[in-house]
């Protein structure tokens, strides 16, 4: 399983191609699939049923600043760092 996930902004196709070319075989390079916030109507949110959030950190600042973000991937059996 890949250890690193490189997320590249949709606005940077050249950066995506370059990172795909130079990344190691165990790393995964993907385009950011998010287009906009999913919630368009401001309304109360139901309480979260999951024990924890699946996203470990917010990468939006990195995507806006440099056009890409680097995330370490964890397996489900591996505990996330604190």
N, C-alpha and C. Protein backbone atom coordinates (compact mmCIF):
# COMPACT_ATOMS: atom_id res chain seq x y z
N UNK A 1 0.85 -1.19 0.00
CA UNK A 1 0.00 0.00 0.00
C UNK A 1 0.88 1.24 0.00
N UNK A 2 0.45 2.25 -0.70
CA UNK A 2 1.21 3.48 -0.79
C UNK A 2 1.26 4.20 0.55
N UNK A 3 2.38 4.83 0.83
CA UNK A 3 2.53 5.56 2.08
C UNK A 3 2.18 7.04 1.93
N UNK A 4 2.36 7.59 0.73
CA UNK A 4 2.11 9.01 0.52
C UNK A 4 1.03 9.21 -0.51
N UNK A 5 0.21 10.21 -0.26
CA UNK A 5 -0.83 10.61 -1.19
C UNK A 5 -0.57 12.06 -1.55
N UNK A 6 -0.35 12.34 -2.82
CA UNK A 6 -0.15 13.70 -3.30
C UNK A 6 -1.44 14.14 -3.97
N UNK A 7 -2.04 15.19 -3.45
CA UNK A 7 -3.29 15.71 -3.99
C UNK A 7 -2.95 17.00 -4.73
N UNK A 8 -3.34 17.06 -6.00
CA UNK A 8 -2.99 18.20 -6.84
C UNK A 8 -4.26 18.94 -7.23
N UNK A 9 -4.19 20.26 -7.18
CA UNK A 9 -5.33 21.10 -7.55
C UNK A 9 -5.71 20.86 -9.01
N UNK A 10 -7.03 20.92 -9.30
CA UNK A 10 -7.52 20.77 -10.68
C UNK A 10 -6.98 21.84 -11.60
N UNK A 11 -6.57 22.96 -11.04
CA UNK A 11 -6.08 24.08 -11.84
C UNK A 11 -4.61 23.93 -12.21
N UNK A 12 -3.96 22.82 -11.80
CA UNK A 12 -2.52 22.63 -12.03
C UNK A 12 -2.25 21.31 -12.78
N UNK A 13 -2.74 21.16 -14.01
CA UNK A 13 -2.52 19.90 -14.72
C UNK A 13 -1.04 19.62 -15.00
N UNK A 14 -0.24 20.65 -15.19
CA UNK A 14 1.20 20.45 -15.40
C UNK A 14 1.89 19.90 -14.17
N UNK A 15 1.51 20.40 -13.00
CA UNK A 15 2.06 19.90 -11.74
C UNK A 15 1.64 18.45 -11.53
N UNK A 16 0.40 18.12 -11.88
CA UNK A 16 -0.09 16.75 -11.76
C UNK A 16 0.75 15.81 -12.62
N UNK A 17 0.97 16.18 -13.88
CA UNK A 17 1.75 15.34 -14.79
C UNK A 17 3.19 15.17 -14.29
N UNK A 18 3.78 16.25 -13.80
CA UNK A 18 5.16 16.18 -13.30
C UNK A 18 5.26 15.28 -12.07
N UNK A 19 4.35 15.43 -11.12
CA UNK A 19 4.40 14.62 -9.91
C UNK A 19 4.13 13.14 -10.22
N UNK A 20 3.26 12.87 -11.19
CA UNK A 20 3.05 11.48 -11.61
C UNK A 20 4.34 10.89 -12.17
N UNK A 21 5.08 11.69 -12.90
CA UNK A 21 6.31 11.24 -13.53
C UNK A 21 7.41 10.96 -12.51
N UNK A 22 7.57 11.83 -11.52
CA UNK A 22 8.69 11.71 -10.59
C UNK A 22 8.37 11.00 -9.29
N UNK A 23 7.11 10.68 -9.05
CA UNK A 23 6.76 10.03 -7.78
C UNK A 23 7.25 8.59 -7.77
N UNK A 24 7.50 8.09 -6.58
CA UNK A 24 7.95 6.71 -6.42
C UNK A 24 6.77 5.78 -6.67
N UNK A 25 7.06 4.53 -6.96
CA UNK A 25 6.01 3.59 -7.34
C UNK A 25 4.99 3.36 -6.24
N UNK A 26 5.36 3.49 -4.97
CA UNK A 26 4.43 3.27 -3.88
C UNK A 26 3.56 4.46 -3.55
N UNK A 27 3.86 5.61 -4.14
CA UNK A 27 3.10 6.83 -3.86
C UNK A 27 1.94 6.97 -4.85
N UNK A 28 0.89 7.65 -4.43
CA UNK A 28 -0.29 7.86 -5.27
C UNK A 28 -0.45 9.36 -5.50
N UNK A 29 -0.64 9.74 -6.77
CA UNK A 29 -0.87 11.13 -7.14
C UNK A 29 -2.27 11.21 -7.73
N UNK A 30 -3.12 12.09 -7.15
CA UNK A 30 -4.48 12.24 -7.64
C UNK A 30 -4.83 13.72 -7.80
N UNK A 31 -5.80 13.98 -8.66
CA UNK A 31 -6.35 15.33 -8.76
C UNK A 31 -7.40 15.52 -7.68
N UNK A 32 -7.47 16.71 -7.12
CA UNK A 32 -8.49 17.02 -6.12
C UNK A 32 -9.85 16.88 -6.77
N UNK A 33 -10.70 16.03 -6.22
CA UNK A 33 -12.01 15.77 -6.81
C UNK A 33 -13.08 16.73 -6.32
N UNK A 34 -12.79 17.46 -5.28
CA UNK A 34 -13.80 18.37 -4.73
C UNK A 34 -13.96 19.57 -5.66
N UNK A 35 -15.20 19.93 -5.92
CA UNK A 35 -15.46 21.10 -6.76
C UNK A 35 -15.89 22.30 -5.94
N UNK A 36 -16.67 22.06 -4.89
CA UNK A 36 -17.12 23.14 -4.01
C UNK A 36 -17.65 22.51 -2.74
N UNK A 37 -18.03 23.35 -1.80
CA UNK A 37 -18.64 22.83 -0.58
C UNK A 37 -19.94 22.13 -0.94
N UNK A 38 -20.17 21.00 -0.31
CA UNK A 38 -21.37 20.23 -0.61
C UNK A 38 -22.61 20.85 0.02
N UNK A 39 -22.45 21.46 1.16
CA UNK A 39 -23.60 22.07 1.83
C UNK A 39 -23.81 23.47 1.29
N UNK A 40 -24.92 23.68 0.68
CA UNK A 40 -25.23 24.99 0.13
C UNK A 40 -26.22 25.75 1.01
N UNK A 41 -27.04 25.02 1.73
CA UNK A 41 -28.03 25.64 2.60
C UNK A 41 -27.52 25.58 4.03
N UNK A 42 -27.51 26.70 4.69
CA UNK A 42 -27.08 26.73 6.09
C UNK A 42 -28.22 26.22 6.96
N UNK A 43 -28.02 25.07 7.53
CA UNK A 43 -29.03 24.49 8.40
C UNK A 43 -28.32 23.70 9.48
N UNK A 44 -29.01 23.44 10.58
CA UNK A 44 -28.38 22.66 11.65
C UNK A 44 -27.94 21.29 11.14
N UNK A 45 -26.80 20.86 11.60
CA UNK A 45 -26.22 19.60 11.18
C UNK A 45 -26.52 18.54 12.23
N UNK A 46 -26.88 17.36 11.78
CA UNK A 46 -27.12 16.27 12.73
C UNK A 46 -25.79 15.84 13.35
N UNK A 47 -25.83 15.34 14.57
CA UNK A 47 -24.59 14.91 15.22
C UNK A 47 -23.89 13.81 14.42
N UNK A 48 -22.59 13.84 14.43
CA UNK A 48 -21.79 12.86 13.70
C UNK A 48 -21.91 11.49 14.34
N UNK A 49 -22.13 10.48 13.52
CA UNK A 49 -22.27 9.13 14.04
C UNK A 49 -20.94 8.38 14.08
N UNK A 50 -19.97 8.81 13.30
CA UNK A 50 -18.67 8.14 13.32
C UNK A 50 -17.91 8.51 14.59
N UNK A 51 -16.96 7.65 14.95
CA UNK A 51 -16.15 7.91 16.13
C UNK A 51 -15.12 9.00 15.88
N UNK A 52 -14.63 9.10 14.66
CA UNK A 52 -13.65 10.14 14.35
C UNK A 52 -13.80 10.57 12.90
N UNK A 53 -13.20 11.68 12.57
CA UNK A 53 -13.24 12.19 11.21
C UNK A 53 -12.27 11.40 10.35
N UNK A 54 -12.64 11.11 9.12
CA UNK A 54 -11.76 10.35 8.23
C UNK A 54 -10.59 11.20 7.76
N UNK A 55 -10.79 12.47 7.62
CA UNK A 55 -9.70 13.35 7.20
C UNK A 55 -8.87 13.72 8.41
N UNK A 56 -7.58 13.53 8.31
CA UNK A 56 -6.67 13.82 9.42
C UNK A 56 -6.31 15.29 9.51
N UNK A 57 -6.24 15.97 8.35
CA UNK A 57 -5.93 17.39 8.37
C UNK A 57 -6.54 18.06 7.15
N UNK A 58 -6.74 19.34 7.25
CA UNK A 58 -7.33 20.10 6.16
C UNK A 58 -6.22 20.48 5.17
N UNK A 59 -6.37 20.13 3.91
CA UNK A 59 -5.34 20.39 2.91
C UNK A 59 -5.68 21.59 2.02
N UNK A 60 -6.81 22.23 2.26
CA UNK A 60 -7.23 23.33 1.40
C UNK A 60 -6.22 24.47 1.35
N UNK A 61 -5.62 24.80 2.47
CA UNK A 61 -4.63 25.90 2.48
C UNK A 61 -3.45 25.56 1.58
N UNK A 62 -2.96 24.32 1.64
CA UNK A 62 -1.84 23.90 0.79
C UNK A 62 -2.23 23.92 -0.69
N UNK A 63 -3.44 23.45 -1.00
CA UNK A 63 -3.89 23.43 -2.39
C UNK A 63 -4.00 24.84 -2.96
N UNK A 64 -4.49 25.78 -2.16
CA UNK A 64 -4.61 27.16 -2.64
C UNK A 64 -3.25 27.83 -2.75
N UNK A 65 -2.36 27.54 -1.81
CA UNK A 65 -1.07 28.22 -1.76
C UNK A 65 -0.10 27.69 -2.83
N UNK A 66 0.07 26.36 -2.89
CA UNK A 66 1.08 25.81 -3.78
C UNK A 66 0.52 24.97 -4.93
N UNK A 67 -0.77 24.64 -4.87
CA UNK A 67 -1.36 23.85 -5.94
C UNK A 67 -1.33 22.35 -5.67
N UNK A 68 -0.72 21.93 -4.57
CA UNK A 68 -0.68 20.52 -4.22
C UNK A 68 -0.50 20.35 -2.72
N UNK A 69 -0.85 19.17 -2.23
CA UNK A 69 -0.71 18.87 -0.80
C UNK A 69 -0.22 17.43 -0.66
N UNK A 70 0.56 17.19 0.37
CA UNK A 70 1.11 15.87 0.64
C UNK A 70 0.49 15.34 1.93
N UNK A 71 -0.04 14.12 1.85
CA UNK A 71 -0.70 13.50 2.99
C UNK A 71 -0.11 12.11 3.19
N UNK A 72 0.17 11.75 4.42
CA UNK A 72 0.63 10.40 4.72
C UNK A 72 -0.59 9.52 4.89
N UNK A 73 -0.58 8.38 4.22
CA UNK A 73 -1.72 7.46 4.30
C UNK A 73 -1.49 6.45 5.41
N UNK A 74 -2.57 6.10 6.08
CA UNK A 74 -2.53 5.11 7.15
C UNK A 74 -3.43 3.95 6.79
N UNK A 75 -3.04 2.78 7.21
CA UNK A 75 -3.95 1.64 7.06
C UNK A 75 -4.93 1.67 8.23
N UNK A 76 -6.02 0.96 8.09
CA UNK A 76 -7.02 0.96 9.17
C UNK A 76 -6.48 0.34 10.44
N UNK A 77 -5.52 -0.56 10.33
CA UNK A 77 -4.98 -1.20 11.53
C UNK A 77 -3.90 -0.37 12.20
N UNK A 78 -3.39 0.61 11.51
CA UNK A 78 -2.32 1.47 12.04
C UNK A 78 -2.92 2.68 12.73
N UNK A 79 -2.54 2.94 13.98
CA UNK A 79 -3.08 4.11 14.68
C UNK A 79 -2.53 5.41 14.09
N UNK A 80 -3.36 6.42 14.03
CA UNK A 80 -2.94 7.72 13.53
C UNK A 80 -2.11 8.42 14.61
N UNK A 81 -1.10 9.22 14.18
CA UNK A 81 -0.30 9.95 15.17
C UNK A 81 -1.13 11.03 15.85
N UNK A 82 -0.78 11.35 17.06
CA UNK A 82 -1.53 12.39 17.79
C UNK A 82 -0.95 13.75 17.55
